[in-house]
């Protein structure tokens, strides 16, 4: 515990390079106090990429291959597990090169690659978080297609098509044609009423 406190007092700030997963190179260098929480980093990323808050998000401690490690979710689930509000940066990140994945909006799956690129001292009279560098135009938050809700499910083109195992007389819900049903008896009903 004493070593962590010493790191915080000695260096004061972390600079993160945050790269959004798009075809174009778009990144932001953001400085935060080492005592800031992941919640503050979350809000800062959204602010500097012009994304609106309000969607689910998680950080994942990562490695050189950008694999997901320990999850730091946005919401405290009440089970004593770490969340963005109680996870302090200097308690989770220890050296330049440490990597974190940030996922925002679980339907659109925006992925940000966050790397600790510098540990430094606080600058007097500087408001934090501080945008140290901005490169490229941030994508529109709604520009990414929503991911399929169910992996392995068919596309919209497949919806309602019959499989080879279905009886040809059955509709998409498994009901056969009703010999007593005459669709013409409803024609004009709504026009008259």
N, C-alpha and C. Protein backbone atom coordinates (compact mmCIF):
# COMPACT_ATOMS: atom_id res chain seq x y z
N UNK A 1 0.82 -1.20 0.00
CA UNK A 1 0.00 0.00 0.00
C UNK A 1 0.86 1.25 0.00
N UNK A 2 1.97 1.20 0.73
CA UNK A 2 2.86 2.35 0.80
C UNK A 2 3.46 2.66 -0.57
N UNK A 3 3.80 1.62 -1.34
CA UNK A 3 4.41 1.82 -2.66
C UNK A 3 3.43 2.50 -3.60
N UNK A 4 2.17 2.12 -3.57
CA UNK A 4 1.17 2.73 -4.44
C UNK A 4 1.01 4.21 -4.11
N UNK A 5 0.98 4.55 -2.83
CA UNK A 5 0.84 5.93 -2.42
C UNK A 5 2.04 6.74 -2.91
N UNK A 6 3.23 6.14 -2.83
CA UNK A 6 4.44 6.81 -3.27
C UNK A 6 4.39 7.08 -4.78
N UNK A 7 3.91 6.11 -5.57
CA UNK A 7 3.78 6.30 -7.01
C UNK A 7 2.87 7.48 -7.30
N UNK A 8 1.75 7.53 -6.60
CA UNK A 8 0.78 8.60 -6.81
C UNK A 8 1.39 9.96 -6.48
N UNK A 9 2.09 10.06 -5.36
CA UNK A 9 2.68 11.34 -4.96
C UNK A 9 3.84 11.74 -5.86
N UNK A 10 4.62 10.76 -6.30
CA UNK A 10 5.81 11.05 -7.09
C UNK A 10 5.44 11.50 -8.51
N UNK A 11 4.52 10.78 -9.15
CA UNK A 11 4.26 11.04 -10.56
C UNK A 11 3.02 11.89 -10.80
N UNK A 12 1.96 11.59 -10.14
CA UNK A 12 0.79 12.45 -10.24
C UNK A 12 -0.17 12.20 -11.38
N UNK A 13 0.32 11.91 -12.61
CA UNK A 13 -0.61 11.76 -13.73
C UNK A 13 -0.25 10.55 -14.60
N UNK A 14 -1.28 10.03 -15.24
CA UNK A 14 -1.12 9.02 -16.28
C UNK A 14 -1.57 9.65 -17.59
N UNK A 15 -0.81 9.41 -18.65
CA UNK A 15 -1.25 9.80 -20.00
C UNK A 15 -1.60 8.53 -20.75
N UNK A 16 -2.82 8.50 -21.28
CA UNK A 16 -3.32 7.35 -22.03
C UNK A 16 -3.46 7.71 -23.49
N UNK A 17 -3.05 6.81 -24.36
CA UNK A 17 -3.38 6.93 -25.78
C UNK A 17 -4.61 6.05 -25.99
N UNK A 18 -5.68 6.67 -26.47
CA UNK A 18 -6.95 5.97 -26.67
C UNK A 18 -7.24 5.95 -28.17
N UNK A 19 -7.24 4.74 -28.74
CA UNK A 19 -7.44 4.57 -30.18
C UNK A 19 -8.78 3.88 -30.40
N UNK A 20 -9.64 4.50 -31.23
CA UNK A 20 -10.93 3.89 -31.53
C UNK A 20 -10.74 2.93 -32.71
N UNK A 21 -11.45 1.82 -32.67
CA UNK A 21 -11.33 0.77 -33.69
C UNK A 21 -12.13 1.17 -34.93
N UNK A 22 -11.47 1.93 -35.82
CA UNK A 22 -12.07 2.32 -37.10
C UNK A 22 -11.01 2.13 -38.18
N UNK A 23 -11.43 2.23 -39.43
CA UNK A 23 -10.48 2.08 -40.53
C UNK A 23 -9.46 3.21 -40.55
N UNK A 24 -9.92 4.43 -40.23
CA UNK A 24 -9.01 5.58 -40.20
C UNK A 24 -8.31 5.62 -38.85
N UNK A 25 -7.12 6.23 -38.81
CA UNK A 25 -6.41 6.43 -37.55
C UNK A 25 -7.06 7.57 -36.79
N UNK A 26 -7.65 7.25 -35.64
CA UNK A 26 -8.28 8.25 -34.79
C UNK A 26 -7.89 7.93 -33.35
N UNK A 27 -7.23 8.89 -32.70
CA UNK A 27 -6.87 8.65 -31.31
C UNK A 27 -6.82 9.96 -30.53
N UNK A 28 -6.85 9.81 -29.22
CA UNK A 28 -6.74 10.93 -28.29
C UNK A 28 -5.74 10.55 -27.21
N UNK A 29 -4.90 11.51 -26.82
CA UNK A 29 -4.03 11.34 -25.66
C UNK A 29 -4.68 12.10 -24.51
N UNK A 30 -5.03 11.39 -23.47
CA UNK A 30 -5.77 11.95 -22.34
C UNK A 30 -4.95 11.77 -21.06
N UNK A 31 -4.78 12.86 -20.31
CA UNK A 31 -4.08 12.81 -19.03
C UNK A 31 -5.08 12.88 -17.89
N UNK A 32 -4.85 12.03 -16.90
CA UNK A 32 -5.69 11.98 -15.69
C UNK A 32 -4.79 11.82 -14.48
N UNK A 33 -5.23 12.29 -13.31
CA UNK A 33 -4.48 12.00 -12.09
C UNK A 33 -4.42 10.50 -11.86
N UNK A 34 -3.33 10.01 -11.30
CA UNK A 34 -3.21 8.58 -11.02
C UNK A 34 -4.26 8.14 -10.00
N UNK A 35 -4.80 9.08 -9.24
CA UNK A 35 -5.82 8.76 -8.23
C UNK A 35 -7.23 8.75 -8.81
N UNK A 36 -7.38 9.03 -10.11
CA UNK A 36 -8.71 9.03 -10.74
C UNK A 36 -9.23 7.59 -10.82
N UNK A 37 -10.53 7.48 -10.97
CA UNK A 37 -11.16 6.17 -11.13
C UNK A 37 -11.36 5.85 -12.61
N UNK A 38 -11.66 4.60 -12.87
CA UNK A 38 -11.98 4.21 -14.24
C UNK A 38 -13.26 4.88 -14.72
N UNK A 39 -14.12 5.27 -13.81
CA UNK A 39 -15.33 6.01 -14.16
C UNK A 39 -14.96 7.36 -14.78
N UNK A 40 -13.95 8.00 -14.23
CA UNK A 40 -13.48 9.28 -14.77
C UNK A 40 -12.85 9.08 -16.15
N UNK A 41 -12.12 8.00 -16.33
CA UNK A 41 -11.54 7.69 -17.64
C UNK A 41 -12.65 7.41 -18.65
N UNK A 42 -13.66 6.67 -18.24
CA UNK A 42 -14.83 6.37 -19.08
C UNK A 42 -15.48 7.66 -19.58
N UNK A 43 -15.78 8.57 -18.67
CA UNK A 43 -16.44 9.84 -19.05
C UNK A 43 -15.54 10.69 -19.94
N UNK A 44 -14.24 10.65 -19.67
CA UNK A 44 -13.31 11.43 -20.47
C UNK A 44 -13.21 10.91 -21.90
N UNK A 45 -13.18 9.60 -22.06
CA UNK A 45 -13.15 9.02 -23.41
C UNK A 45 -14.39 9.43 -24.18
N UNK A 46 -15.55 9.31 -23.56
CA UNK A 46 -16.79 9.69 -24.24
C UNK A 46 -16.76 11.17 -24.64
N UNK A 47 -16.33 12.02 -23.71
CA UNK A 47 -16.29 13.45 -23.99
C UNK A 47 -15.37 13.78 -25.15
N UNK A 48 -14.18 13.20 -25.18
CA UNK A 48 -13.20 13.57 -26.19
C UNK A 48 -13.40 12.87 -27.53
N UNK A 49 -14.30 11.89 -27.58
CA UNK A 49 -14.70 11.29 -28.87
C UNK A 49 -16.11 11.73 -29.26
N UNK A 50 -16.68 12.67 -28.51
CA UNK A 50 -18.02 13.23 -28.78
C UNK A 50 -19.11 12.18 -28.79
N UNK A 51 -19.02 11.21 -27.87
CA UNK A 51 -20.05 10.21 -27.70
C UNK A 51 -20.95 10.62 -26.54
N UNK A 52 -22.22 10.34 -26.67
CA UNK A 52 -23.15 10.62 -25.58
C UNK A 52 -23.11 9.49 -24.57
N UNK A 53 -23.20 9.85 -23.29
CA UNK A 53 -23.23 8.86 -22.22
C UNK A 53 -24.60 8.19 -22.21
N UNK A 54 -24.70 7.04 -21.57
CA UNK A 54 -26.01 6.41 -21.43
C UNK A 54 -26.06 4.96 -21.87
N UNK A 55 -24.97 4.44 -22.43
CA UNK A 55 -24.94 3.04 -22.85
C UNK A 55 -24.08 2.24 -21.87
N UNK A 56 -24.23 0.92 -21.89
CA UNK A 56 -23.43 0.06 -21.05
C UNK A 56 -21.97 0.08 -21.54
N UNK A 57 -21.05 -0.13 -20.60
CA UNK A 57 -19.63 -0.09 -20.94
C UNK A 57 -18.85 -0.94 -19.95
N UNK A 58 -17.68 -1.38 -20.38
CA UNK A 58 -16.76 -2.10 -19.50
C UNK A 58 -15.34 -1.86 -19.96
N UNK A 59 -14.44 -1.83 -18.99
CA UNK A 59 -13.01 -1.89 -19.26
C UNK A 59 -12.57 -3.32 -19.00
N UNK A 60 -11.52 -3.74 -19.71
CA UNK A 60 -10.91 -5.04 -19.48
C UNK A 60 -9.40 -4.84 -19.42
N UNK A 61 -8.78 -5.22 -18.31
CA UNK A 61 -7.33 -5.20 -18.27
C UNK A 61 -6.86 -6.14 -19.37
N UNK A 62 -5.77 -5.77 -20.06
CA UNK A 62 -5.37 -6.52 -21.23
C UNK A 62 -3.87 -6.80 -21.23
N UNK A 63 -3.42 -7.44 -22.32
CA UNK A 63 -2.01 -7.79 -22.48
C UNK A 63 -1.53 -7.32 -23.85
N UNK A 64 -0.34 -7.77 -24.24
CA UNK A 64 0.24 -7.34 -25.52
C UNK A 64 -0.62 -7.74 -26.73
N UNK A 65 -1.40 -8.81 -26.60
CA UNK A 65 -2.25 -9.27 -27.71
C UNK A 65 -3.66 -8.67 -27.64
N UNK A 66 -3.89 -7.76 -26.72
CA UNK A 66 -5.18 -7.10 -26.54
C UNK A 66 -6.29 -8.11 -26.21
N UNK A 67 -5.97 -9.11 -25.40
CA UNK A 67 -6.96 -10.08 -24.95
C UNK A 67 -7.66 -9.54 -23.70
N UNK A 68 -8.91 -9.94 -23.53
CA UNK A 68 -9.68 -9.50 -22.37
C UNK A 68 -9.20 -10.20 -21.10
N UNK A 69 -8.92 -9.40 -20.08
CA UNK A 69 -8.59 -9.92 -18.77
C UNK A 69 -9.68 -9.55 -17.78
N UNK A 70 -9.29 -9.11 -16.60
CA UNK A 70 -10.24 -8.71 -15.56
C UNK A 70 -11.19 -7.64 -16.07
N UNK A 71 -12.50 -7.86 -15.91
CA UNK A 71 -13.50 -6.88 -16.33
C UNK A 71 -13.72 -5.86 -15.23
N UNK A 72 -13.80 -4.59 -15.63
CA UNK A 72 -14.18 -3.50 -14.73
C UNK A 72 -15.45 -2.90 -15.32
N UNK A 73 -16.63 -3.37 -14.84
CA UNK A 73 -17.90 -2.92 -15.43
C UNK A 73 -18.29 -1.52 -14.96
N UNK A 74 -19.16 -0.91 -15.74
CA UNK A 74 -19.68 0.42 -15.41
C UNK A 74 -20.47 0.40 -14.11
N UNK A 75 -21.32 -0.61 -13.97
CA UNK A 75 -22.24 -0.66 -12.84
C UNK A 75 -21.70 -1.57 -11.74
N UNK A 76 -21.92 -1.16 -10.50
CA UNK A 76 -21.61 -1.99 -9.34
C UNK A 76 -22.77 -2.97 -9.19
N UNK A 77 -22.48 -4.25 -9.31
CA UNK A 77 -23.52 -5.27 -9.22
C UNK A 77 -23.85 -5.64 -7.77
N UNK A 78 -23.20 -4.98 -6.81
CA UNK A 78 -23.52 -5.22 -5.41
C UNK A 78 -22.94 -6.49 -4.85
N UNK A 79 -22.06 -7.15 -5.58
CA UNK A 79 -21.50 -8.40 -5.09
C UNK A 79 -20.05 -8.25 -4.65
N UNK A 80 -19.65 -7.00 -4.39
CA UNK A 80 -18.29 -6.75 -3.92
C UNK A 80 -17.24 -6.78 -5.01
N UNK A 81 -17.66 -6.99 -6.25
CA UNK A 81 -16.73 -7.03 -7.37
C UNK A 81 -16.37 -5.60 -7.75
N UNK A 82 -15.20 -5.43 -8.30
CA UNK A 82 -14.73 -4.11 -8.72
C UNK A 82 -15.65 -3.52 -9.79
N UNK A 83 -15.82 -2.20 -9.76
CA UNK A 83 -16.58 -1.49 -10.79
C UNK A 83 -15.81 -0.21 -11.12
N UNK A 84 -16.25 0.50 -12.15
CA UNK A 84 -15.56 1.72 -12.56
C UNK A 84 -15.50 2.75 -11.43
N UNK A 85 -16.54 2.80 -10.61
CA UNK A 85 -16.57 3.80 -9.54
C UNK A 85 -15.56 3.53 -8.43
N UNK A 86 -15.21 2.26 -8.20
CA UNK A 86 -14.29 1.98 -7.10
C UNK A 86 -12.92 1.48 -7.56
N UNK A 87 -12.71 1.37 -8.86
CA UNK A 87 -11.40 0.95 -9.39
C UNK A 87 -10.55 2.20 -9.65
N UNK A 88 -9.47 2.34 -8.90
CA UNK A 88 -8.57 3.49 -9.03
C UNK A 88 -7.46 3.15 -10.02
N UNK A 89 -7.14 4.10 -10.88
CA UNK A 89 -6.18 3.85 -11.95
C UNK A 89 -4.85 3.29 -11.42
N UNK A 90 -4.25 3.94 -10.42
CA UNK A 90 -2.92 3.52 -9.98
C UNK A 90 -2.93 2.19 -9.23
N UNK A 91 -4.13 1.70 -8.86
CA UNK A 91 -4.22 0.39 -8.22
C UNK A 91 -4.29 -0.73 -9.25
N UNK A 92 -4.67 -0.41 -10.47
CA UNK A 92 -4.83 -1.42 -11.53
C UNK A 92 -3.73 -1.36 -12.58
N UNK A 93 -3.16 -0.20 -12.76
CA UNK A 93 -2.13 -0.01 -13.79
C UNK A 93 -0.82 0.39 -13.11
N UNK A 94 0.28 -0.22 -13.55
CA UNK A 94 1.52 -0.05 -12.79
C UNK A 94 2.70 0.47 -13.59
N UNK A 95 2.65 0.38 -14.92
CA UNK A 95 3.82 0.82 -15.69
C UNK A 95 3.41 1.23 -17.09
N UNK A 96 4.27 2.03 -17.71
CA UNK A 96 4.07 2.43 -19.09
C UNK A 96 3.98 1.16 -19.93
N UNK A 97 3.03 1.14 -20.85
CA UNK A 97 2.81 -0.03 -21.69
C UNK A 97 1.63 -0.88 -21.25
N UNK A 98 1.13 -0.65 -20.02
CA UNK A 98 -0.06 -1.38 -19.58
C UNK A 98 -1.22 -1.06 -20.52
N UNK A 99 -2.01 -2.08 -20.84
CA UNK A 99 -3.08 -1.94 -21.83
C UNK A 99 -4.44 -2.29 -21.23
N UNK A 100 -5.46 -1.59 -21.74
CA UNK A 100 -6.83 -1.80 -21.30
C UNK A 100 -7.74 -1.72 -22.52
N UNK A 101 -8.67 -2.64 -22.64
CA UNK A 101 -9.72 -2.54 -23.67
C UNK A 101 -10.91 -1.83 -23.06
N UNK A 102 -11.54 -0.96 -23.83
CA UNK A 102 -12.74 -0.26 -23.38
C UNK A 102 -13.84 -0.54 -24.40
N UNK A 103 -14.92 -1.19 -23.96
CA UNK A 103 -16.05 -1.47 -24.82
C UNK A 103 -17.21 -0.58 -24.41
N UNK A 104 -17.79 0.08 -25.41
CA UNK A 104 -18.90 0.99 -25.14
C UNK A 104 -20.06 0.66 -26.08
N UNK A 105 -21.26 0.64 -25.53
CA UNK A 105 -22.49 0.36 -26.27
C UNK A 105 -22.45 -1.08 -26.79
N UNK A 106 -22.98 -1.99 -25.98
CA UNK A 106 -22.87 -3.41 -26.27
C UNK A 106 -23.67 -3.85 -27.50
N UNK A 107 -24.51 -2.99 -28.05
CA UNK A 107 -25.19 -3.32 -29.31
C UNK A 107 -24.35 -2.92 -30.51
N UNK A 108 -23.69 -1.76 -30.43
CA UNK A 108 -22.84 -1.32 -31.54
C UNK A 108 -21.39 -1.79 -31.36
N UNK A 109 -21.03 -2.15 -30.14
CA UNK A 109 -19.70 -2.69 -29.82
C UNK A 109 -18.56 -1.78 -30.28
N UNK A 110 -18.58 -0.55 -29.78
CA UNK A 110 -17.44 0.33 -30.00
C UNK A 110 -16.28 -0.18 -29.15
N UNK A 111 -15.12 -0.35 -29.75
CA UNK A 111 -13.95 -0.84 -29.04
C UNK A 111 -12.87 0.24 -29.10
N UNK A 112 -12.32 0.54 -27.93
CA UNK A 112 -11.23 1.49 -27.81
C UNK A 112 -10.03 0.77 -27.19
N UNK A 113 -8.86 1.00 -27.78
CA UNK A 113 -7.62 0.44 -27.26
C UNK A 113 -6.93 1.52 -26.44
N UNK A 114 -6.77 1.27 -25.15
CA UNK A 114 -6.25 2.27 -24.22
C UNK A 114 -4.90 1.78 -23.71
N UNK A 115 -3.87 2.60 -23.93
CA UNK A 115 -2.54 2.22 -23.47
C UNK A 115 -1.95 3.33 -22.62
N UNK A 116 -1.36 2.95 -21.50
CA UNK A 116 -0.66 3.90 -20.64
C UNK A 116 0.67 4.22 -21.32
N UNK A 117 0.82 5.47 -21.79
CA UNK A 117 2.02 5.84 -22.56
C UNK A 117 2.99 6.70 -21.78
N UNK A 118 2.54 7.27 -20.65
CA UNK A 118 3.44 8.13 -19.89
C UNK A 118 2.95 8.29 -18.46
N UNK A 119 3.89 8.31 -17.55
CA UNK A 119 3.60 8.61 -16.15
C UNK A 119 4.34 9.90 -15.85
N UNK A 120 3.62 10.91 -15.36
CA UNK A 120 4.26 12.20 -15.15
C UNK A 120 3.78 12.91 -13.90
N UNK A 121 4.25 14.13 -13.73
CA UNK A 121 3.86 14.95 -12.59
C UNK A 121 2.69 15.83 -12.98
N UNK A 122 1.88 16.17 -12.01
CA UNK A 122 0.77 17.09 -12.25
C UNK A 122 1.31 18.47 -12.60
N UNK A 123 0.63 19.13 -13.51
CA UNK A 123 0.99 20.49 -13.89
C UNK A 123 0.07 21.44 -13.13
N UNK A 124 0.68 22.36 -12.43
CA UNK A 124 -0.09 23.32 -11.64
C UNK A 124 -1.03 24.11 -12.54
N UNK A 125 -2.22 24.37 -12.05
CA UNK A 125 -3.26 25.14 -12.76
C UNK A 125 -3.80 24.44 -14.01
N UNK A 126 -3.53 23.15 -14.19
CA UNK A 126 -4.09 22.41 -15.32
C UNK A 126 -5.31 21.64 -14.83
N UNK A 127 -6.42 21.78 -15.53
CA UNK A 127 -7.64 21.04 -15.18
C UNK A 127 -7.55 19.64 -15.78
N UNK A 128 -7.87 18.66 -14.97
CA UNK A 128 -7.87 17.26 -15.41
C UNK A 128 -9.28 16.71 -15.40
N UNK A 129 -9.62 15.83 -16.32
CA UNK A 129 -8.78 15.25 -17.37
C UNK A 129 -8.38 16.31 -18.39
N UNK A 130 -7.22 16.08 -18.98
CA UNK A 130 -6.63 17.03 -19.92
C UNK A 130 -6.40 16.33 -21.26
N UNK A 131 -6.90 16.94 -22.33
CA UNK A 131 -6.69 16.40 -23.67
C UNK A 131 -5.35 16.90 -24.17
N UNK A 132 -4.35 16.04 -24.20
CA UNK A 132 -2.98 16.41 -24.59
C UNK A 132 -2.79 16.40 -26.10
N UNK A 133 -3.53 15.51 -26.80
CA UNK A 133 -3.39 15.40 -28.25
C UNK A 133 -4.66 14.81 -28.83
N UNK A 134 -5.09 15.36 -29.97
CA UNK A 134 -6.25 14.84 -30.68
C UNK A 134 -5.85 14.63 -32.13
N UNK A 135 -6.03 13.38 -32.63
CA UNK A 135 -5.67 13.08 -34.00
C UNK A 135 -6.84 12.40 -34.69
N UNK A 136 -7.26 12.94 -35.82
CA UNK A 136 -8.34 12.35 -36.62
C UNK A 136 -9.71 12.78 -36.12
N UNK A 137 -10.68 12.63 -37.01
CA UNK A 137 -12.07 12.97 -36.69
C UNK A 137 -12.76 11.79 -36.04
N UNK A 138 -13.35 12.04 -34.89
CA UNK A 138 -14.07 10.98 -34.19
C UNK A 138 -15.25 10.51 -35.03
N UNK A 139 -15.51 9.20 -35.05
CA UNK A 139 -16.67 8.71 -35.81
C UNK A 139 -17.97 9.12 -35.13
N UNK A 140 -19.03 9.18 -35.91
CA UNK A 140 -20.35 9.43 -35.33
C UNK A 140 -20.75 8.21 -34.51
N UNK A 141 -21.25 8.45 -33.33
CA UNK A 141 -21.61 7.36 -32.41
C UNK A 141 -22.59 6.38 -33.04
N UNK A 142 -23.50 6.87 -33.87
CA UNK A 142 -24.53 6.01 -34.47
C UNK A 142 -24.11 5.46 -35.83
N UNK A 143 -22.86 5.70 -36.25
CA UNK A 143 -22.44 5.28 -37.59
C UNK A 143 -22.17 3.79 -37.68
N UNK A 144 -22.00 3.14 -36.56
CA UNK A 144 -21.69 1.71 -36.57
C UNK A 144 -22.99 0.92 -36.48
N UNK A 145 -23.06 -0.14 -37.30
CA UNK A 145 -24.24 -1.01 -37.29
C UNK A 145 -24.35 -1.74 -35.97
N UNK A 146 -25.58 -1.98 -35.54
CA UNK A 146 -25.79 -2.77 -34.34
C UNK A 146 -25.43 -4.22 -34.64
N UNK A 147 -24.77 -4.86 -33.69
CA UNK A 147 -24.40 -6.27 -33.83
C UNK A 147 -25.66 -7.13 -33.72
N UNK A 148 -25.60 -8.32 -34.31
CA UNK A 148 -26.72 -9.26 -34.19
C UNK A 148 -26.94 -9.60 -32.73
N UNK A 149 -28.19 -9.59 -32.31
CA UNK A 149 -28.51 -9.87 -30.91
C UNK A 149 -28.15 -11.29 -30.53
N UNK A 150 -28.28 -12.20 -31.47
CA UNK A 150 -28.02 -13.61 -31.18
C UNK A 150 -26.99 -14.13 -32.17
N UNK A 151 -25.82 -14.45 -31.68
CA UNK A 151 -24.77 -14.98 -32.54
C UNK A 151 -25.28 -16.23 -33.25
N UNK A 152 -24.98 -16.36 -34.52
CA UNK A 152 -25.33 -17.55 -35.27
C UNK A 152 -26.74 -17.53 -35.84
N UNK A 153 -27.52 -16.52 -35.50
CA UNK A 153 -28.87 -16.43 -36.05
C UNK A 153 -28.78 -15.93 -37.49
N UNK A 154 -29.80 -16.19 -38.25
CA UNK A 154 -29.82 -15.78 -39.65
C UNK A 154 -29.96 -14.28 -39.80
N UNK A 155 -29.79 -13.82 -41.01
CA UNK A 155 -29.94 -12.40 -41.31
C UNK A 155 -31.41 -12.08 -41.52
N UNK A 156 -31.69 -10.81 -41.76
CA UNK A 156 -33.08 -10.40 -42.02
C UNK A 156 -33.65 -11.11 -43.24
N UNK A 157 -32.78 -11.44 -44.21
CA UNK A 157 -33.26 -12.13 -45.41
C UNK A 157 -33.78 -13.52 -45.07
N UNK A 158 -33.21 -14.11 -44.01
CA UNK A 158 -33.62 -15.45 -43.63
C UNK A 158 -34.91 -15.47 -42.81
N UNK A 159 -35.31 -14.32 -42.27
CA UNK A 159 -36.46 -14.28 -41.39
C UNK A 159 -37.72 -14.72 -42.13
N UNK A 160 -38.41 -15.67 -41.56
CA UNK A 160 -39.68 -16.10 -42.12
C UNK A 160 -39.55 -17.12 -43.24
N UNK A 161 -38.33 -17.45 -43.65
CA UNK A 161 -38.21 -18.46 -44.71
C UNK A 161 -38.41 -19.84 -44.10
N UNK A 162 -38.92 -20.73 -44.87
CA UNK A 162 -39.19 -22.06 -44.33
C UNK A 162 -37.97 -22.94 -44.52
N UNK A 163 -37.77 -23.82 -43.56
CA UNK A 163 -36.66 -24.75 -43.67
C UNK A 163 -37.12 -25.98 -44.43
N UNK A 164 -36.19 -26.83 -44.79
CA UNK A 164 -36.53 -28.03 -45.55
C UNK A 164 -37.40 -28.98 -44.74
N UNK A 165 -37.31 -28.94 -43.42
CA UNK A 165 -38.06 -29.85 -42.57
C UNK A 165 -39.51 -29.42 -42.35
N UNK A 166 -39.83 -28.17 -42.69
CA UNK A 166 -41.19 -27.69 -42.44
C UNK A 166 -42.15 -28.19 -43.52
N UNK A 167 -43.36 -28.42 -43.11
CA UNK A 167 -44.41 -28.78 -44.05
C UNK A 167 -44.72 -27.56 -44.90
N UNK A 168 -44.86 -27.73 -46.21
CA UNK A 168 -45.09 -26.59 -47.09
C UNK A 168 -46.40 -25.89 -46.78
N UNK A 169 -47.36 -26.58 -46.17
CA UNK A 169 -48.64 -25.96 -45.86
C UNK A 169 -48.60 -25.15 -44.57
N UNK A 170 -47.48 -25.20 -43.85
CA UNK A 170 -47.39 -24.45 -42.59
C UNK A 170 -46.79 -23.09 -42.84
N UNK A 171 -47.29 -22.09 -42.10
CA UNK A 171 -46.69 -20.75 -42.20
C UNK A 171 -45.49 -20.67 -41.27
N UNK A 172 -44.88 -19.49 -41.16
CA UNK A 172 -43.65 -19.34 -40.38
C UNK A 172 -43.83 -19.63 -38.90
N UNK A 173 -45.06 -19.67 -38.39
CA UNK A 173 -45.30 -19.93 -36.97
C UNK A 173 -45.75 -21.37 -36.73
N UNK A 174 -45.78 -22.19 -37.78
CA UNK A 174 -46.12 -23.59 -37.61
C UNK A 174 -47.60 -23.88 -37.73
N UNK A 175 -48.40 -22.91 -38.14
CA UNK A 175 -49.83 -23.15 -38.30
C UNK A 175 -50.11 -23.51 -39.76
N UNK A 176 -50.89 -24.53 -39.96
CA UNK A 176 -51.25 -24.93 -41.32
C UNK A 176 -52.35 -24.02 -41.86
N UNK A 177 -52.64 -24.15 -43.15
CA UNK A 177 -53.72 -23.37 -43.74
C UNK A 177 -55.04 -23.83 -43.15
N UNK A 178 -55.88 -22.91 -42.79
CA UNK A 178 -57.20 -23.22 -42.23
C UNK A 178 -58.20 -23.21 -43.38
N UNK A 179 -58.77 -24.39 -43.64
CA UNK A 179 -59.71 -24.49 -44.76
C UNK A 179 -60.93 -23.61 -44.57
N UNK A 180 -61.29 -23.32 -43.31
CA UNK A 180 -62.49 -22.52 -43.04
C UNK A 180 -62.21 -21.03 -43.04
N UNK A 181 -60.98 -20.63 -43.19
CA UNK A 181 -60.63 -19.22 -43.11
C UNK A 181 -60.68 -18.61 -44.50
N UNK A 182 -61.45 -17.54 -44.63
CA UNK A 182 -61.55 -16.84 -45.90
C UNK A 182 -61.06 -15.42 -45.67
N UNK A 183 -59.89 -15.10 -46.19
CA UNK A 183 -59.31 -13.77 -45.96
C UNK A 183 -60.15 -12.69 -46.63
N UNK A 184 -60.95 -13.04 -47.64
CA UNK A 184 -61.75 -12.04 -48.33
C UNK A 184 -62.91 -11.52 -47.49
N UNK A 185 -63.31 -12.28 -46.46
CA UNK A 185 -64.45 -11.82 -45.66
C UNK A 185 -64.10 -10.58 -44.85
N UNK A 186 -62.81 -10.26 -44.71
CA UNK A 186 -62.42 -9.05 -43.96
C UNK A 186 -62.18 -7.87 -44.89
N UNK A 187 -62.14 -8.10 -46.20
CA UNK A 187 -61.90 -7.00 -47.13
C UNK A 187 -62.97 -5.93 -46.98
N UNK A 188 -62.56 -4.70 -46.85
CA UNK A 188 -63.50 -3.59 -46.75
C UNK A 188 -64.04 -3.37 -45.36
N UNK A 189 -63.77 -4.25 -44.40
CA UNK A 189 -64.33 -4.09 -43.06
C UNK A 189 -63.90 -2.78 -42.45
N UNK A 190 -62.61 -2.45 -42.52
CA UNK A 190 -62.11 -1.24 -41.88
C UNK A 190 -62.50 0.01 -42.65
N UNK A 191 -62.74 -0.15 -43.94
CA UNK A 191 -63.17 1.02 -44.72
C UNK A 191 -64.58 1.45 -44.32
N UNK A 192 -65.41 0.47 -43.88
CA UNK A 192 -66.79 0.79 -43.55
C UNK A 192 -66.93 1.29 -42.12
N UNK A 193 -65.98 1.00 -41.25
CA UNK A 193 -66.11 1.36 -39.85
C UNK A 193 -65.16 2.45 -39.44
